[in-house]
Amino acid sequence: MLNYWWVTRPKRKLNSVPEVLAAFADLSLNQEWNGQRDSHLAYEDALEAAGLKRKGERRDQTGGGARTYKAWLVSLGLIFEQESTGKIKLTLAGEAIMNGDSPVDVLTNQILKYQFPSAFSLGRGVQVADRFKIRPFRFLLKLLDDSKVGYLTEEEIAKIVVTEAENESDKCYNYIVDRIMQFRSYGDSCLEDEFFTKYQSSKGKVNPDHPYSHLTDLANTLINWLEYTQLAKREDGKVEILDDKREEVREILSERPNFIDRPEQHEYFQRKYGIDPKHKKDSRNLAMTQTITAMLIAKQKVRQAYIAESLERPITKITPRVVDFIVQRTGIDGKTVEDILIETYPNGSVGAFMTKYFEMAFKGRDEATEFEKATVELFQDVFGFEARHVGPIGLTPDVLLLSDENGYQAILDNKAYHKYTINNDHYNRMVHNYIGNIVNYSKSDKPLAFFSYIAGGFGSSIDKQLRNIADATGVDGSAMSVSNVIKMVEQHKEMPYAHQKIRDIFSVNRQVLMSDIV
């Protein structure tokens, strides 16, 4: 019995869920799972071969590692065991990820529905205490949106929230807010005397050097999951709602969906929990079993390879380059690969890459060049500009855009920071080097329409700083958060932007808001 919240964590981040699911679907879908040790070991081999699980001497040959990954997929509502056959099936959410829907959209939906009790939390080997009736991630977002709380640390989540937040009543919520305030004032001295007895590790032993490690590890994983939703971000040890996501969070919290009922009935609960954003209910008839054919096996392998590639770079359509890559990864002939890809992913799946793009915007200098190159690919492949990565030339912006459609050029500068501000040095570079000396790195005679900064977020003075540059150069400018770039990519898929509209969006001489792009 676990007397605190729990999430299983074979991986501390959710980025690899689509690949783990694809590997599982390749080997285990429509197969019996319980007691099938050879299948479990084969799945471990597949995870290791895909680089999703560390290779090494296994402590046993029981397939325990595979079962942990399978439990992860169950806990997220992506798979279930069919009661009548014992076979593994995908939920609608699992199908959506396999079919190329944005993993962030699908998994955010699952994370916000994650609840105690659940089929997973009541399961053998987990058994979270029945005092908890709560959706942990909704509760965390509510705390973060409370001006009295403002932020949360890993320690506050570990020592107060996961142990004491039992339900979603106002009484419980207000109690937790008070306890967080006490902890900020008095630290560990405000914890219960019997803390380690009451909230001991599932292993039963307390690590004397790191007595809270089982709870801080759990809190770290909870924060990682919350960050995956792109609603909140950890900076300097504090997790906070992103400025431009606060309204979205409030909209989420304003809706009070019912808890999913009958958690003790595995298939019923999982199918209800696993409803993806595009469906209201799961009305599939899964009684019909698929015959395993060579084509079905090929299709699973192609999907698995495609999903791995789509997480690494934006795929807007099926091109010869994409087909060749999948052929090399799978060894399946080109015609078969092309047919499967065009049937399954006719419009590509650029949303899968957005997880990586979002994270790049907060990495500082570590992945700055990758962030710049990814921006080039997005503006070229998604929005249809001629885009060049000019940053390496020196005394140049990161990205130069050319619009043949609308007859203009534009410059983008990526800043991989949480709250970027334009300091004096960066002001001079933009005014004198990037805008003033554009002829040094651009051969185009088209007018310069706008300059823009793309970053994780911006400081409070950004609008004034942008106007100073616009006033000094006569060129319109803007700043756009990575969240809004992602929103533009999503919008473009539904209703493409003309280059004139993109010019208008980026020429507002202030930070671009969500209302500017929708």
Protein backbone atom coordinates (compact mmCIF):
# COMPACT_ATOMS: atom_id res chain seq x y z
CA MET A 1 0.00 0.00 0.00
CA LEU A 2 1.37 3.40 -1.04
CA ASN A 3 0.27 6.21 1.26
CA TYR A 4 1.04 8.98 -1.25
CA TRP A 5 0.37 9.80 -4.88
CA TRP A 6 2.12 7.59 -7.41
CA VAL A 7 3.17 7.59 -11.05
CA THR A 8 5.27 4.78 -12.48
CA ARG A 9 8.45 6.01 -14.11
CA PRO A 10 10.54 3.68 -16.25
CA LYS A 11 11.42 6.98 -17.94
CA ARG A 12 11.27 10.24 -16.01
CA LYS A 13 9.95 12.15 -19.04
CA LEU A 14 7.10 11.35 -21.41
CA ASN A 15 8.93 12.25 -24.64
CA SER A 16 9.57 8.60 -25.50
CA VAL A 17 5.98 7.39 -24.90
CA PRO A 18 5.11 7.33 -28.65
CA GLU A 19 8.15 5.16 -29.43
CA VAL A 20 7.56 2.88 -26.43
CA LEU A 21 3.93 2.49 -27.51
CA ALA A 22 4.96 1.79 -31.12
CA ALA A 23 7.43 -0.88 -30.02
CA PHE A 24 4.76 -2.42 -27.82
CA ALA A 25 2.18 -2.36 -30.60
CA ASP A 26 4.66 -4.01 -32.98
CA LEU A 27 5.21 -6.98 -30.68
CA SER A 28 2.28 -7.31 -28.33
CA LEU A 29 -0.88 -5.95 -29.90
CA ASN A 30 -3.62 -8.56 -30.19
CA GLN A 31 -1.39 -10.99 -28.28
CA GLU A 32 -1.97 -12.43 -24.82
CA TRP A 33 0.31 -10.82 -22.24
CA ASN A 34 -0.07 -12.41 -18.82
CA GLY A 35 2.34 -15.28 -18.31
CA GLN A 36 3.94 -14.89 -21.76
CA ARG A 37 7.56 -14.60 -20.59
CA ASP A 38 9.02 -14.90 -24.09
CA SER A 39 6.89 -11.95 -25.27
CA HIS A 40 8.02 -9.89 -22.28
CA LEU A 41 11.68 -10.60 -23.02
CA ALA A 42 11.20 -9.87 -26.74
CA TYR A 43 9.69 -6.50 -25.81
CA GLU A 44 12.71 -5.72 -23.60
CA ASP A 45 14.97 -6.59 -26.55
CA ALA A 46 12.96 -4.27 -28.82
CA LEU A 47 13.15 -1.39 -26.32
CA GLU A 48 16.91 -1.85 -26.00
CA ALA A 49 17.39 -2.07 -29.77
CA ALA A 50 15.47 1.20 -30.21
CA GLY A 51 17.62 2.91 -27.56
CA LEU A 52 14.60 3.34 -25.28
CA LYS A 53 15.92 1.15 -22.48
CA ARG A 54 19.49 0.84 -21.27
CA LYS A 55 21.26 -2.29 -22.38
CA GLY A 56 22.94 -4.34 -19.75
CA GLU A 57 22.93 -7.50 -17.74
CA ARG A 58 19.40 -8.23 -16.65
CA ARG A 59 18.93 -9.19 -13.05
CA ASP A 60 16.67 -12.00 -14.15
CA GLN A 61 15.10 -13.47 -17.24
CA THR A 62 11.52 -12.83 -16.17
CA GLY A 63 10.81 -9.82 -18.40
CA GLY A 64 10.22 -7.55 -15.40
CA GLY A 65 11.53 -4.51 -17.29
CA ALA A 66 8.97 -5.03 -20.05
CA ARG A 67 6.17 -5.26 -17.50
CA THR A 68 7.21 -1.89 -16.05
CA TYR A 69 6.96 -0.25 -19.47
CA LYS A 70 3.63 -1.95 -20.11
CA ALA A 71 2.36 -0.61 -16.76
CA TRP A 72 3.45 2.88 -17.86
CA LEU A 73 1.26 2.65 -20.97
CA VAL A 74 -1.65 1.32 -18.89
CA SER A 75 -1.27 4.14 -16.36
CA LEU A 76 -1.55 6.70 -19.16
CA GLY A 77 -4.67 5.07 -20.58
CA LEU A 78 -3.07 4.03 -23.89
CA ILE A 79 -3.61 0.25 -23.74
CA PHE A 80 -5.78 -2.29 -21.94
CA GLU A 81 -6.24 -6.04 -21.65
CA GLN A 82 -9.44 -7.29 -23.20
CA GLU A 83 -11.30 -9.28 -20.54
CA SER A 84 -12.79 -11.87 -22.89
CA THR A 85 -9.49 -12.80 -24.58
CA GLY A 86 -6.64 -11.52 -22.36
CA LYS A 87 -5.25 -9.76 -25.45
CA ILE A 88 -3.68 -6.30 -25.47
CA LYS A 89 -5.64 -3.57 -27.29
CA LEU A 90 -5.03 0.11 -27.93
CA THR A 91 -7.42 2.64 -26.43
CA LEU A 92 -8.59 5.48 -28.67
CA ALA A 93 -5.80 7.63 -27.20
CA GLY A 94 -3.25 4.94 -28.05
CA GLU A 95 -4.64 4.69 -31.59
CA ALA A 96 -4.48 8.48 -31.98
CA ILE A 97 -0.76 8.54 -31.16
CA MET A 98 -0.07 5.62 -33.50
CA ASN A 99 -2.00 7.42 -36.26
CA GLY A 100 0.17 10.53 -36.02
CA ASP A 101 -1.96 12.86 -33.88
CA SER A 102 0.05 15.30 -31.77
CA PRO A 103 1.38 13.31 -28.79
CA VAL A 104 1.34 16.51 -26.70
CA ASP A 105 -2.39 17.02 -27.33
CA VAL A 106 -3.24 13.38 -26.66
CA LEU A 107 -1.04 12.95 -23.58
CA THR A 108 -2.01 16.33 -22.09
CA ASN A 109 -5.61 15.11 -22.25
CA GLN A 110 -4.58 11.88 -20.49
CA ILE A 111 -2.47 13.64 -17.85
CA LEU A 112 -5.32 15.99 -16.92
CA LYS A 113 -7.66 12.97 -16.54
CA TYR A 114 -5.10 10.96 -14.51
CA GLN A 115 -6.84 10.11 -11.25
CA PHE A 116 -6.78 8.16 -8.03
CA PRO A 117 -8.40 5.68 -7.89
CA SER A 118 -7.74 4.15 -11.30
CA ALA A 119 -7.37 0.68 -12.76
CA PHE A 120 -3.61 1.25 -12.51
CA SER A 121 -3.54 2.65 -8.95
CA LEU A 122 -5.65 -0.25 -7.65
CA GLY A 123 -3.56 -2.80 -9.52
CA ARG A 124 -1.35 -5.47 -8.05
CA GLY A 125 2.05 -4.08 -7.11
CA VAL A 126 0.80 -0.47 -6.92
CA GLN A 127 -2.20 -0.16 -4.57
CA VAL A 128 -2.32 3.55 -3.81
CA ALA A 129 -4.21 4.17 -0.54
CA ASP A 130 -7.96 4.49 -0.97
CA ARG A 131 -8.00 7.80 0.97
CA PHE A 132 -7.04 9.53 -2.31
CA LYS A 133 -9.79 10.65 -4.67
CA ILE A 134 -8.02 13.30 -6.69
CA ARG A 135 -6.74 14.23 -10.14
CA PRO A 136 -3.17 15.15 -9.21
CA PHE A 137 -2.23 17.26 -12.23
CA ARG A 138 -5.40 19.36 -12.12
CA PHE A 139 -4.72 19.91 -8.42
CA LEU A 140 -1.13 21.02 -9.11
CA LEU A 141 -2.30 23.44 -11.82
CA LYS A 142 -4.87 24.90 -9.41
CA LEU A 143 -2.12 25.52 -6.85
CA LEU A 144 0.12 27.12 -9.48
CA ASP A 145 -2.69 29.41 -10.64
CA ASP A 146 -3.29 30.60 -7.06
CA SER A 147 -1.60 33.98 -6.56
CA LYS A 148 -1.04 33.08 -2.91
CA VAL A 149 1.05 30.05 -3.96
CA GLY A 150 2.53 31.31 -7.27
CA TYR A 151 5.02 28.49 -7.77
CA LEU A 152 5.90 25.07 -6.37
CA THR A 153 9.24 23.48 -5.61
CA GLU A 154 10.07 19.80 -5.87
CA GLU A 155 10.43 19.71 -2.08
CA GLU A 156 6.99 21.22 -1.46
CA ILE A 157 5.36 18.71 -3.80
CA ALA A 158 7.31 15.82 -2.25
CA LYS A 159 6.79 16.58 1.42
CA ILE A 160 3.39 18.28 1.48
CA VAL A 161 1.30 17.83 -1.67
CA VAL A 162 1.74 14.14 -2.58
CA THR A 163 1.34 13.01 1.03
CA GLU A 164 -1.49 15.25 2.25
CA ALA A 165 -3.64 16.26 -0.75
CA GLU A 166 -6.38 13.63 -0.61
CA ASN A 167 -9.26 15.12 -2.59
CA GLU A 168 -10.49 18.12 -4.55
CA SER A 169 -12.74 19.67 -1.89
CA ASP A 170 -12.27 23.35 -1.01
CA LYS A 171 -11.46 22.29 2.55
CA CYS A 172 -8.60 20.04 1.40
CA TYR A 173 -7.32 22.60 -1.10
CA ASN A 174 -7.23 25.43 1.45
CA TYR A 175 -5.53 23.13 3.95
CA ILE A 176 -2.78 22.30 1.42
CA VAL A 177 -2.24 25.99 0.62
CA ASP A 178 -1.82 26.68 4.36
CA ARG A 179 0.57 23.73 4.71
CA ILE A 180 2.71 25.00 1.81
CA MET A 181 2.92 28.41 3.48
CA GLN A 182 3.93 26.73 6.77
CA PHE A 183 6.60 24.72 4.98
CA ARG A 184 7.99 27.86 3.34
CA SER A 185 8.29 29.44 6.79
CA TYR A 186 9.40 26.50 8.94
CA GLY A 187 10.77 23.80 6.59
CA ASP A 188 10.95 20.18 7.75
CA SER A 189 10.09 21.13 11.34
CA CYS A 190 6.42 21.42 10.32
CA LEU A 191 6.28 17.79 9.10
CA GLU A 192 4.58 15.09 11.17
CA ASP A 193 6.63 13.27 13.82
CA GLU A 194 5.79 9.90 12.25
CA PHE A 195 6.48 11.11 8.70
CA PHE A 196 8.81 8.28 7.64
CA THR A 197 6.59 5.60 9.16
CA LYS A 198 3.45 6.99 7.59
CA TYR A 199 4.93 7.70 4.15
CA GLN A 200 7.60 5.05 3.85
CA SER A 201 8.97 3.89 0.52
CA SER A 202 7.39 0.89 -1.20
CA LYS A 203 10.69 -0.85 -0.49
CA GLY A 204 10.01 -0.32 3.22
CA LYS A 205 13.45 1.03 4.06
CA VAL A 206 14.52 4.63 4.58
CA ASN A 207 17.77 5.67 2.92
CA PRO A 208 19.57 7.35 5.85
CA ASP A 209 21.62 9.57 3.52
CA HIS A 210 18.59 10.67 1.47
CA PRO A 211 15.51 9.87 3.58
CA TYR A 212 13.08 11.75 1.32
CA SER A 213 14.49 10.48 -1.99
CA HIS A 214 11.51 8.25 -2.85
CA LEU A 215 9.23 11.28 -2.56
CA THR A 216 11.52 13.81 -4.27
CA ASP A 217 12.03 11.37 -7.17
CA LEU A 218 8.25 11.11 -7.45
CA ALA A 219 7.86 14.91 -7.30
CA ASN A 220 10.50 15.35 -10.01
CA THR A 221 8.58 12.96 -12.27
CA LEU A 222 5.28 14.76 -11.60
CA ILE A 223 6.92 18.05 -12.63
CA ASN A 224 8.35 16.42 -15.77
CA TRP A 225 4.87 15.19 -16.74
CA LEU A 226 3.41 18.64 -16.07
CA GLU A 227 6.13 20.24 -18.22
CA TYR A 228 5.27 17.86 -21.06
CA THR A 229 1.83 19.51 -21.29
CA GLN A 230 3.62 22.80 -22.18
CA LEU A 231 1.41 24.59 -19.63
CA ALA A 232 4.10 25.00 -16.99
CA LYS A 233 7.89 25.13 -16.80
CA ARG A 234 10.55 24.62 -14.14
CA GLU A 235 13.13 27.38 -13.81
CA ASP A 236 15.66 27.81 -10.97
CA GLY A 237 14.01 25.05 -8.94
CA LYS A 238 10.49 26.49 -9.17
CA VAL A 239 7.72 25.27 -11.44
CA GLU A 240 5.34 27.99 -12.67
CA ILE A 241 2.57 28.34 -15.24
CA LEU A 242 3.91 29.89 -18.44
CA ASP A 243 2.70 33.47 -18.81
CA ASP A 244 0.99 32.90 -22.14
CA LYS A 245 -0.69 29.69 -20.93
CA ARG A 246 -2.42 31.13 -17.86
CA GLU A 247 -5.75 31.72 -19.64
CA GLU A 248 -5.66 28.19 -21.06
CA VAL A 249 -5.03 26.78 -17.57
CA ARG A 250 -7.96 28.77 -16.17
CA GLU A 251 -10.17 27.46 -18.95
CA ILE A 252 -9.12 23.89 -18.09
CA LEU A 253 -9.81 24.43 -14.39
CA SER A 254 -13.18 26.10 -15.04
CA GLU A 255 -14.51 22.78 -16.36
CA ARG A 256 -15.19 20.17 -13.69
CA PRO A 257 -15.54 16.79 -15.42
CA ASN A 258 -16.72 13.83 -13.39
CA PHE A 259 -14.27 11.24 -12.12
CA ILE A 260 -14.10 8.12 -14.28
CA ASP A 261 -16.14 5.45 -12.55
CA ARG A 262 -15.61 1.72 -11.92
CA PRO A 263 -11.78 1.73 -11.61
CA GLU A 264 -11.97 -1.84 -10.32
CA GLN A 265 -13.16 -2.96 -13.79
CA HIS A 266 -9.99 -2.78 -15.87
CA GLU A 267 -11.36 -2.84 -19.44
CA TYR A 268 -14.34 -0.57 -18.70
CA PHE A 269 -12.17 2.01 -16.92
CA GLN A 270 -9.29 1.98 -19.42
CA ARG A 271 -11.55 2.41 -22.45
CA LYS A 272 -13.32 5.33 -20.78
CA TYR A 273 -10.07 6.91 -19.54
CA GLY A 274 -8.45 6.35 -22.94
CA ILE A 275 -10.87 8.47 -25.00
CA ASP A 276 -8.79 10.85 -27.12
CA PRO A 277 -9.62 14.55 -27.74
CA LYS A 278 -11.43 13.77 -31.01
CA HIS A 279 -13.98 11.35 -29.52
CA LYS A 280 -16.76 11.49 -26.92
CA LYS A 281 -16.94 7.74 -26.30
CA ASP A 282 -15.33 4.46 -27.34
CA SER A 283 -17.94 2.57 -29.34
CA ARG A 284 -15.54 0.25 -31.18
CA ASN A 285 -16.45 -3.41 -31.55
CA LEU A 286 -13.21 -5.18 -30.69
CA ALA A 287 -14.63 -8.69 -30.84
CA MET A 288 -13.41 -9.14 -34.42
CA THR A 289 -9.81 -10.36 -34.30
CA GLN A 290 -7.36 -9.33 -36.97
CA THR A 291 -5.53 -12.07 -38.81
CA ILE A 292 -1.79 -11.45 -38.49
CA THR A 293 -0.56 -11.13 -42.08
CA ALA A 294 2.78 -10.11 -43.57
CA MET A 295 1.22 -6.75 -44.51
CA LEU A 296 0.00 -6.13 -40.95
CA ILE A 297 3.48 -6.87 -39.58
CA ALA A 298 5.02 -4.54 -42.19
CA LYS A 299 2.53 -1.81 -41.29
CA GLN A 300 3.43 -1.98 -37.59
CA LYS A 301 7.16 -1.80 -38.34
CA VAL A 302 6.71 1.17 -40.68
CA ARG A 303 4.59 3.00 -38.10
CA GLN A 304 7.17 2.34 -35.41
CA ALA A 305 10.03 3.72 -37.55
CA TYR A 306 7.95 6.68 -38.71
CA ILE A 307 6.98 7.70 -35.17
CA ALA A 308 10.64 7.63 -34.09
CA GLU A 309 11.58 9.92 -37.00
CA SER A 310 8.61 12.28 -36.54
CA LEU A 311 9.75 13.06 -32.99
CA GLU A 312 13.13 14.25 -34.29
CA ARG A 313 12.10 16.58 -37.13
CA PRO A 314 8.92 18.14 -38.55
CA ILE A 315 7.30 15.95 -41.20
CA THR A 316 4.65 17.92 -43.10
CA LYS A 317 4.12 15.42 -45.91
CA ILE A 318 5.41 12.08 -47.16
CA THR A 319 8.45 12.79 -49.34
CA PRO A 320 11.00 10.49 -51.04
CA ARG A 321 13.43 11.41 -48.24
CA VAL A 322 10.99 10.20 -45.57
CA VAL A 323 10.27 7.01 -47.52
CA ASP A 324 14.00 6.29 -47.99
CA PHE A 325 14.65 6.77 -44.28
CA ILE A 326 11.90 4.30 -43.30
CA VAL A 327 13.14 1.80 -45.92
CA GLN A 328 16.62 1.94 -44.37
CA ARG A 329 15.22 1.55 -40.84
CA THR A 330 12.92 -1.38 -41.63
CA GLY A 331 14.35 -3.16 -44.67
CA ILE A 332 10.85 -3.19 -46.19
CA ASP A 333 10.60 -2.41 -49.92
CA GLY A 334 10.02 1.21 -50.97
CA LYS A 335 6.63 0.71 -52.67
CA THR A 336 5.15 -0.96 -49.59
CA VAL A 337 6.60 1.71 -47.28
CA GLU A 338 5.27 4.53 -49.46
CA ASP A 339 1.79 2.99 -49.67
CA ILE A 340 1.60 2.51 -45.89
CA LEU A 341 2.86 6.02 -45.12
CA ILE A 342 0.51 7.75 -47.57
CA GLU A 343 -2.44 5.75 -46.27
CA THR A 344 -1.63 6.28 -42.56
CA TYR A 345 -0.02 9.74 -42.50
CA PRO A 346 -1.23 11.57 -45.65
CA ASN A 347 -0.53 15.00 -44.08
CA GLY A 348 2.60 14.05 -42.16
CA SER A 349 2.51 14.70 -38.41
CA VAL A 350 4.37 17.88 -37.56
CA GLY A 351 2.77 17.92 -34.09
CA ALA A 352 5.00 15.09 -32.90
CA PHE A 353 8.10 17.26 -33.33
CA MET A 354 6.62 20.13 -31.29
CA THR A 355 7.59 18.46 -28.00
CA LYS A 356 11.25 18.72 -28.93
CA TYR A 357 10.89 22.23 -30.38
CA PHE A 358 9.22 23.47 -27.19
CA GLU A 359 12.02 22.10 -25.01
CA MET A 360 14.72 23.65 -27.22
CA ALA A 361 13.35 27.10 -26.37
CA PHE A 362 14.39 26.70 -22.73
CA LYS A 363 17.80 25.02 -23.10
CA GLY A 364 19.97 28.18 -23.10
CA ARG A 365 23.06 27.80 -25.26
CA ASP A 366 23.06 23.98 -25.03
CA GLU A 367 20.86 23.41 -28.09
CA ALA A 368 20.84 26.93 -29.57
CA THR A 369 21.97 25.81 -33.03
CA GLU A 370 19.40 22.99 -33.09
CA PHE A 371 16.70 25.49 -32.11
CA GLU A 372 17.73 27.76 -35.01
CA LYS A 373 17.78 24.90 -37.54
CA ALA A 374 14.39 23.66 -36.35
CA THR A 375 12.96 27.16 -36.85
CA VAL A 376 14.32 27.15 -40.41
CA GLU A 377 12.60 23.81 -41.08
CA LEU A 378 9.27 24.98 -39.65
CA PHE A 379 9.14 28.21 -41.65
CA GLN A 380 10.25 26.38 -44.79
CA ASP A 381 8.30 23.12 -44.61
CA VAL A 382 5.19 24.34 -42.77
CA PHE A 383 4.74 27.99 -43.78
CA GLY A 384 6.31 27.78 -47.25
CA PHE A 385 9.06 30.41 -47.01
CA GLU A 386 12.51 30.11 -48.49
CA ALA A 387 14.36 29.96 -45.17
CA ARG A 388 18.12 30.09 -44.58
CA HIS A 389 20.12 29.44 -41.44
CA VAL A 390 22.44 32.47 -41.55
CA GLY A 391 23.48 32.52 -37.88
CA PRO A 392 26.86 30.80 -38.40
CA ILE A 393 28.02 33.58 -40.78
CA GLY A 394 28.57 35.91 -37.81
CA LEU A 395 27.10 39.34 -36.95
CA THR A 396 23.87 38.03 -38.45
CA PRO A 397 20.45 36.97 -37.16
CA ASP A 398 19.72 33.25 -36.92
CA VAL A 399 17.17 32.88 -39.72
CA LEU A 400 16.51 34.79 -42.96
CA LEU A 401 13.08 34.38 -44.55
CA LEU A 402 12.20 35.15 -48.18
CA SER A 403 8.61 35.31 -49.43
CA ASP A 404 8.31 35.02 -53.20
CA GLU A 405 4.53 34.89 -52.75
CA ASN A 406 4.39 38.32 -51.11
CA GLY A 407 7.68 39.94 -52.11
CA TYR A 408 9.44 40.54 -48.81
CA GLN A 409 12.21 39.25 -46.57
CA ALA A 410 12.28 38.99 -42.77
CA ILE A 411 14.69 38.06 -40.01
CA LEU A 412 14.21 35.85 -36.95
CA ASP A 413 16.44 35.57 -33.91
CA ASN A 414 16.03 32.59 -31.60
CA LYS A 415 16.63 33.03 -27.88
CA ALA A 416 16.47 29.84 -25.83
CA TYR A 417 15.47 31.50 -22.58
CA HIS A 418 12.49 31.48 -20.22
CA LYS A 419 12.23 35.29 -19.91
CA TYR A 420 14.29 36.95 -22.62
CA THR A 421 14.89 40.71 -22.57
CA ILE A 422 16.69 42.78 -25.22
CA ASN A 423 19.80 44.16 -23.52
CA ASN A 424 21.87 47.03 -24.92
CA ASP A 425 24.26 44.73 -26.79
CA HIS A 426 21.38 42.82 -28.44
CA TYR A 427 19.66 46.12 -29.31
CA ASN A 428 22.81 47.32 -31.10
CA ARG A 429 23.21 44.03 -32.95
CA MET A 430 19.64 44.11 -34.23
CA VAL A 431 19.73 47.79 -35.22
CA HIS A 432 23.22 48.06 -36.71
CA ASN A 433 24.27 44.52 -37.75
CA TYR A 434 21.11 42.57 -38.54
CA ILE A 435 18.90 45.32 -39.99
CA GLY A 436 21.48 47.98 -40.91
CA ASN A 437 23.83 45.55 -42.68
CA ILE A 438 21.34 43.09 -44.19
CA VAL A 439 23.14 43.36 -47.56
CA ASN A 440 26.10 41.55 -45.97
CA TYR A 441 24.17 38.28 -45.68
CA SER A 442 21.15 38.62 -48.01
CA LYS A 443 21.31 38.77 -51.81
CA SER A 444 17.62 39.65 -52.08
CA ASP A 445 16.45 43.10 -53.18
CA LYS A 446 13.04 42.57 -51.54
CA PRO A 447 12.14 44.99 -48.70
CA LEU A 448 12.72 43.90 -45.11
CA ALA A 449 9.19 43.48 -43.73
CA PHE A 450 9.84 42.62 -40.09
CA PHE A 451 12.24 41.33 -37.45
CA SER A 452 11.16 39.00 -34.65
CA TYR A 453 12.53 37.20 -31.61
CA ILE A 454 11.37 33.66 -30.79
CA ALA A 455 11.95 32.52 -27.19
CA GLY A 456 10.54 30.42 -24.37
CA GLY A 457 9.08 33.61 -22.88
CA PHE A 458 9.85 37.29 -22.41
CA GLY A 459 10.51 39.83 -19.68
CA SER A 460 7.98 42.50 -18.74
CA SER A 461 9.77 45.27 -20.70
CA ILE A 462 9.83 43.48 -24.06
CA ASP A 463 7.14 45.66 -25.72
CA LYS A 464 9.03 48.88 -24.99
CA GLN A 465 12.32 47.32 -26.16
CA LEU A 466 10.73 46.22 -29.45
CA ARG A 467 9.30 49.69 -30.09
CA ASN A 468 12.75 51.21 -29.52
CA ILE A 469 14.19 49.04 -32.31
CA ALA A 470 11.25 49.76 -34.63
CA ASP A 471 11.58 53.51 -34.00
CA ALA A 472 15.34 53.43 -34.63
CA THR A 473 15.14 51.43 -37.89
CA GLY A 474 11.71 52.08 -39.36
CA VAL A 475 11.21 48.28 -39.56
CA ASP A 476 8.29 46.65 -37.76
CA GLY A 477 9.06 43.93 -35.27
CA SER A 478 7.72 41.54 -32.65
CA ALA A 479 8.50 38.81 -30.17
CA MET A 480 6.74 35.44 -30.18
CA SER A 481 6.80 32.76 -27.51
CA VAL A 482 7.52 29.20 -28.61
CA SER A 483 4.01 28.28 -27.40
CA ASN A 484 2.49 30.67 -29.93
CA VAL A 485 4.76 29.43 -32.74
CA ILE A 486 3.41 25.95 -31.99
CA LYS A 487 -0.15 27.32 -31.97
CA MET A 488 0.51 28.89 -35.40
CA VAL A 489 1.73 25.54 -36.73
CA GLU A 490 -1.46 23.88 -35.45
CA GLN A 491 -3.68 26.63 -36.89
CA HIS A 492 -1.88 26.50 -40.25
CA LYS A 493 -2.73 22.81 -40.54
CA GLU A 494 -6.45 23.62 -40.24
CA MET A 495 -6.49 26.90 -42.19
CA PRO A 496 -3.22 27.90 -43.91
CA TYR A 497 -1.86 31.41 -43.35
CA ALA A 498 -1.07 33.53 -46.41
CA HIS A 499 2.37 35.19 -46.24
CA GLN A 500 0.67 38.60 -45.99
CA LYS A 501 -1.15 37.41 -42.85
CA ILE A 502 2.12 36.14 -41.37
CA ARG A 503 3.66 39.53 -42.12
CA ASP A 504 0.79 41.25 -40.29
CA ILE A 505 1.14 38.94 -37.27
CA PHE A 506 4.87 39.58 -36.92
CA SER A 507 4.64 43.36 -37.48
CA VAL A 508 2.72 44.40 -34.35
CA ASN A 509 5.71 46.11 -32.62
CA ARG A 510 5.05 44.23 -29.37
CA GLN A 511 4.85 40.66 -28.12
CA VAL A 512 2.51 38.58 -30.28
CA LEU A 513 -0.49 37.34 -28.30
CA MET A 514 -2.68 34.29 -28.83
CA SER A 515 -5.48 36.62 -29.98
CA ASP A 516 -3.24 37.87 -32.82
CA ILE A 517 -2.85 34.44 -34.39
CA VAL A 518 -6.28 32.81 -34.06
